[in-house]
C-alpha atoms as a PDB file:
ATOM      1  CA  UNK A   1       0.000   0.000   0.000  1.00  0.00           C
ATOM      2  CA  UNK A   2       1.267   3.433  -0.763  1.00  0.00           C
ATOM      3  CA  UNK A   3       0.610   7.025   0.126  1.00  0.00           C
ATOM      4  CA  UNK A   4       1.472  10.162  -1.803  1.00  0.00           C
ATOM      5  CA  UNK A   5       4.044  12.445  -0.249  1.00  0.00           C
ATOM      6  CA  UNK A   6       5.476  10.056   2.303  1.00  0.00           C
ATOM      7  CA  UNK A   7       4.466   6.897   4.028  1.00  0.00           C
ATOM      8  CA  UNK A   8       2.666   7.647   7.219  1.00  0.00           C
ATOM      9  CA  UNK A   9       1.569   4.786   9.417  1.00  0.00           C
ATOM     10  CA  UNK A  10      -2.037   5.987   9.432  1.00  0.00           C
ATOM     11  CA  UNK A  11      -2.131   6.352   5.642  1.00  0.00           C
ATOM     12  CA  UNK A  12      -0.770   2.831   5.209  1.00  0.00           C
ATOM     13  CA  UNK A  13      -3.259   1.448   7.713  1.00  0.00           C
ATOM     14  CA  UNK A  14      -6.171   3.174   5.950  1.00  0.00           C
ATOM     15  CA  UNK A  15      -4.890   1.974   2.555  1.00  0.00           C
ATOM     16  CA  UNK A  16      -4.736  -1.634   3.805  1.00  0.00           C
ATOM     17  CA  UNK A  17      -8.271  -1.403   5.179  1.00  0.00           C
ATOM     18  CA  UNK A  18      -9.613   0.079   1.944  1.00  0.00           C
ATOM     19  CA  UNK A  19      -7.754  -2.574  -0.058  1.00  0.00           C
ATOM     20  CA  UNK A  20      -9.352  -5.402   1.929  1.00  0.00           C
ATOM     21  CA  UNK A  21     -12.846  -3.942   1.980  1.00  0.00           C
ATOM     22  CA  UNK A  22     -12.996  -2.722  -1.612  1.00  0.00           C
ATOM     23  CA  UNK A  23     -11.771  -6.135  -2.811  1.00  0.00           C
ATOM     24  CA  UNK A  24     -14.719  -7.796  -1.071  1.00  0.00           C
ATOM     25  CA  UNK A  25     -17.220  -5.126  -2.139  1.00  0.00           C
ATOM     26  CA  UNK A  26     -16.183  -5.319  -5.813  1.00  0.00           C
ATOM     27  CA  UNK A  27     -16.409  -9.126  -5.748  1.00  0.00           C
ATOM     28  CA  UNK A  28     -19.963  -8.835  -4.437  1.00  0.00           C
ATOM     29  CA  UNK A  29     -21.241  -6.304  -6.972  1.00  0.00           C
ATOM     30  CA  UNK A  30     -24.145  -7.558  -9.056  1.00  0.00           C
ATOM     31  CA  UNK A  31     -23.458  -5.198 -11.976  1.00  0.00           C
ATOM     32  CA  UNK A  32     -22.913  -7.495 -14.992  1.00  0.00           C
ATOM     33  CA  UNK A  33     -20.525  -4.927 -16.537  1.00  0.00           C
ATOM     34  CA  UNK A  34     -18.072  -5.444 -13.667  1.00  0.00           C
ATOM     35  CA  UNK A  35     -16.300  -8.763 -14.090  1.00  0.00           C
ATOM     36  CA  UNK A  36     -12.774 -10.116 -13.842  1.00  0.00           C
ATOM     37  CA  UNK A  37     -11.580  -7.349 -11.516  1.00  0.00           C
ATOM     38  CA  UNK A  38      -8.746  -7.827  -9.041  1.00  0.00           C
ATOM     39  CA  UNK A  39      -7.765  -5.057  -6.641  1.00  0.00           C
ATOM     40  CA  UNK A  40      -3.963  -5.016  -6.472  1.00  0.00           C
ATOM     41  CA  UNK A  41      -3.079  -1.848  -4.549  1.00  0.00           C
ATOM     42  CA  UNK A  42      -4.406   1.348  -2.999  1.00  0.00           C
ATOM     43  CA  UNK A  43      -2.645   4.699  -2.938  1.00  0.00           C
ATOM     44  CA  UNK A  44      -3.791   7.327  -0.436  1.00  0.00           C
ATOM     45  CA  UNK A  45      -3.485  11.070  -0.776  1.00  0.00           C
ATOM     46  CA  UNK A  46      -1.575  12.864   1.972  1.00  0.00           C
ATOM     47  CA  UNK A  47      -4.783  14.180   3.556  1.00  0.00           C
ATOM     48  CA  UNK A  48      -6.517  10.751   3.286  1.00  0.00           C
ATOM     49  CA  UNK A  49      -9.417  12.272   1.347  1.00  0.00           C
ATOM     50  CA  UNK A  50      -8.674  10.435  -1.893  1.00  0.00           C
ATOM     51  CA  UNK A  51      -7.818   6.831  -2.636  1.00  0.00           C
ATOM     52  CA  UNK A  52      -6.604   5.570  -5.981  1.00  0.00           C
ATOM     53  CA  UNK A  53      -7.526   1.901  -6.297  1.00  0.00           C
ATOM     54  CA  UNK A  54      -5.288   0.014  -8.715  1.00  0.00           C
ATOM     55  CA  UNK A  55      -7.001  -2.923 -10.418  1.00  0.00           C
ATOM     56  CA  UNK A  56      -6.311  -5.510 -13.059  1.00  0.00           C
ATOM     57  CA  UNK A  57      -9.125  -6.331 -15.446  1.00  0.00           C
ATOM     58  CA  UNK A  58      -9.479  -9.369 -17.682  1.00  0.00           C
ATOM     59  CA  UNK A  59      -8.719  -8.492 -21.299  1.00  0.00           C
ATOM     60  CA  UNK A  60      -7.915  -4.855 -20.315  1.00  0.00           C
ATOM     61  CA  UNK A  61     -11.593  -4.022 -20.799  1.00  0.00           C
ATOM     62  CA  UNK A  62     -11.933  -0.250 -20.342  1.00  0.00           C
ATOM     63  CA  UNK A  63     -15.729  -0.535 -20.062  1.00  0.00           C
ATOM     64  CA  UNK A  64     -15.218  -2.443 -16.804  1.00  0.00           C
ATOM     65  CA  UNK A  65     -13.068   0.405 -15.511  1.00  0.00           C
ATOM     66  CA  UNK A  66     -15.732   2.923 -16.525  1.00  0.00           C
ATOM     67  CA  UNK A  67     -18.391   0.869 -14.720  1.00  0.00           C
ATOM     68  CA  UNK A  68     -16.202   0.699 -11.595  1.00  0.00           C
ATOM     69  CA  UNK A  69     -15.695   4.452 -11.563  1.00  0.00           C
ATOM     70  CA  UNK A  70     -19.412   4.884 -12.174  1.00  0.00           C
ATOM     71  CA  UNK A  71     -20.083   2.719  -9.125  1.00  0.00           C
ATOM     72  CA  UNK A  72     -17.472   4.434  -6.947  1.00  0.00           C
ATOM     73  CA  UNK A  73     -20.124   6.404  -5.021  1.00  0.00           C
ATOM     74  CA  UNK A  74     -21.967   3.216  -4.106  1.00  0.00           C
ATOM     75  CA  UNK A  75     -18.718   1.430  -3.227  1.00  0.00           C
ATOM     76  CA  UNK A  76     -17.729   4.408  -1.047  1.00  0.00           C
ATOM     77  CA  UNK A  77     -21.131   4.291   0.685  1.00  0.00           C
ATOM     78  CA  UNK A  78     -20.747   0.582   1.502  1.00  0.00           C
ATOM     79  CA  UNK A  79     -17.177   1.218   2.632  1.00  0.00           C
ATOM     80  CA  UNK A  80     -18.407   3.955   5.008  1.00  0.00           C
ATOM     81  CA  UNK A  81     -21.079   1.660   6.462  1.00  0.00           C
ATOM     82  CA  UNK A  82     -18.563  -1.124   7.091  1.00  0.00           C
ATOM     83  CA  UNK A  83     -15.981   1.239   8.636  1.00  0.00           C
ATOM     84  CA  UNK A  84     -17.930   3.557  10.887  1.00  0.00           C
ATOM     85  CA  UNK A  85     -14.780   4.129  12.969  1.00  0.00           C
ATOM     86  CA  UNK A  86     -13.044   5.696   9.949  1.00  0.00           C
ATOM     87  CA  UNK A  87     -12.980   9.484  10.358  1.00  0.00           C
ATOM     88  CA  UNK A  88     -13.904  10.091   6.758  1.00  0.00           C
ATOM     89  CA  UNK A  89     -14.348   7.830   3.798  1.00  0.00           C
ATOM     90  CA  UNK A  90     -12.111   8.869   0.899  1.00  0.00           C
ATOM     91  CA  UNK A  91     -13.249   9.514  -2.640  1.00  0.00           C
ATOM     92  CA  UNK A  92     -12.375   6.469  -4.755  1.00  0.00           C
ATOM     93  CA  UNK A  93     -10.816   6.478  -8.197  1.00  0.00           C
ATOM     94  CA  UNK A  94     -10.191   3.204 -10.009  1.00  0.00           C
ATOM     95  CA  UNK A  95      -7.271   2.906 -12.445  1.00  0.00           C
ATOM     96  CA  UNK A  96      -5.718   0.043 -14.373  1.00  0.00           C
ATOM     97  CA  UNK A  97      -2.505  -1.203 -12.763  1.00  0.00           C
ATOM     98  CA  UNK A  98       0.150  -1.192 -15.459  1.00  0.00           C
ATOM     99  CA  UNK A  99       2.844  -2.901 -13.385  1.00  0.00           C
ATOM    100  CA  UNK A 100       1.475  -6.411 -13.976  1.00  0.00           C
ATOM    101  CA  UNK A 101       1.859  -6.058 -17.740  1.00  0.00           C
ATOM    102  CA  UNK A 102       5.317  -4.594 -17.243  1.00  0.00           C
ATOM    103  CA  UNK A 103       6.413  -7.563 -15.125  1.00  0.00           C
ATOM    104  CA  UNK A 104       4.931 -10.022 -17.606  1.00  0.00           C
ATOM    105  CA  UNK A 105       6.880  -8.354 -20.428  1.00  0.00           C
ATOM    106  CA  UNK A 106      10.127  -8.540 -18.411  1.00  0.00           C
ATOM    107  CA  UNK A 107       9.528 -12.252 -17.767  1.00  0.00           C
ATOM    108  CA  UNK A 108       8.898 -12.795 -21.480  1.00  0.00           C
ATOM    109  CA  UNK A 109      12.176 -11.066 -22.434  1.00  0.00           C
ATOM    110  CA  UNK A 110      14.146 -13.061 -19.857  1.00  0.00           C
ATOM    111  CA  UNK A 111      12.593 -16.300 -21.120  1.00  0.00           C
ATOM    112  CA  UNK A 112      13.501 -15.383 -24.705  1.00  0.00           C
ATOM    113  CA  UNK A 113      17.103 -14.654 -23.671  1.00  0.00           C
ATOM    114  CA  UNK A 114      17.370 -18.010 -21.873  1.00  0.00           C
ATOM    115  CA  UNK A 115      15.870 -19.816 -24.866  1.00  0.00           C
ATOM    116  CA  UNK A 116      18.394 -18.143 -27.184  1.00  0.00           C
ATOM    117  CA  UNK A 117      21.296 -19.075 -24.879  1.00  0.00           C
ATOM    118  CA  UNK A 118      20.225 -22.737 -24.909  1.00  0.00           C
ATOM    119  CA  UNK A 119      20.140 -22.816 -28.690  1.00  0.00           C
ATOM    120  CA  UNK A 120      23.592 -21.224 -29.130  1.00  0.00           C
END
């Protein structure tokens, strides 16, 4: 979990809580447009008013991302109900996590290099 502008203990704790809860909430959504979503990370703003939720989506389907962001108010409402001890529930923004594709590409290149070395 990450926080913008430094890593405060409270920001990390809030990010972990949001990560856990949003993962469960998204899995339970009945919206047929939202499918194949995995929450991979949460980044908090310094003031804890905004949370960027990084997700992976099957087939990089941007319509799923649009549906998630369209449902962010509802997800935030459920999050607030489940975490009444939280001082304020942050605004949620869902974005595609690009790091997974980056790591997959690195693995592919390494595999190709090893394959070439075996054939030389």
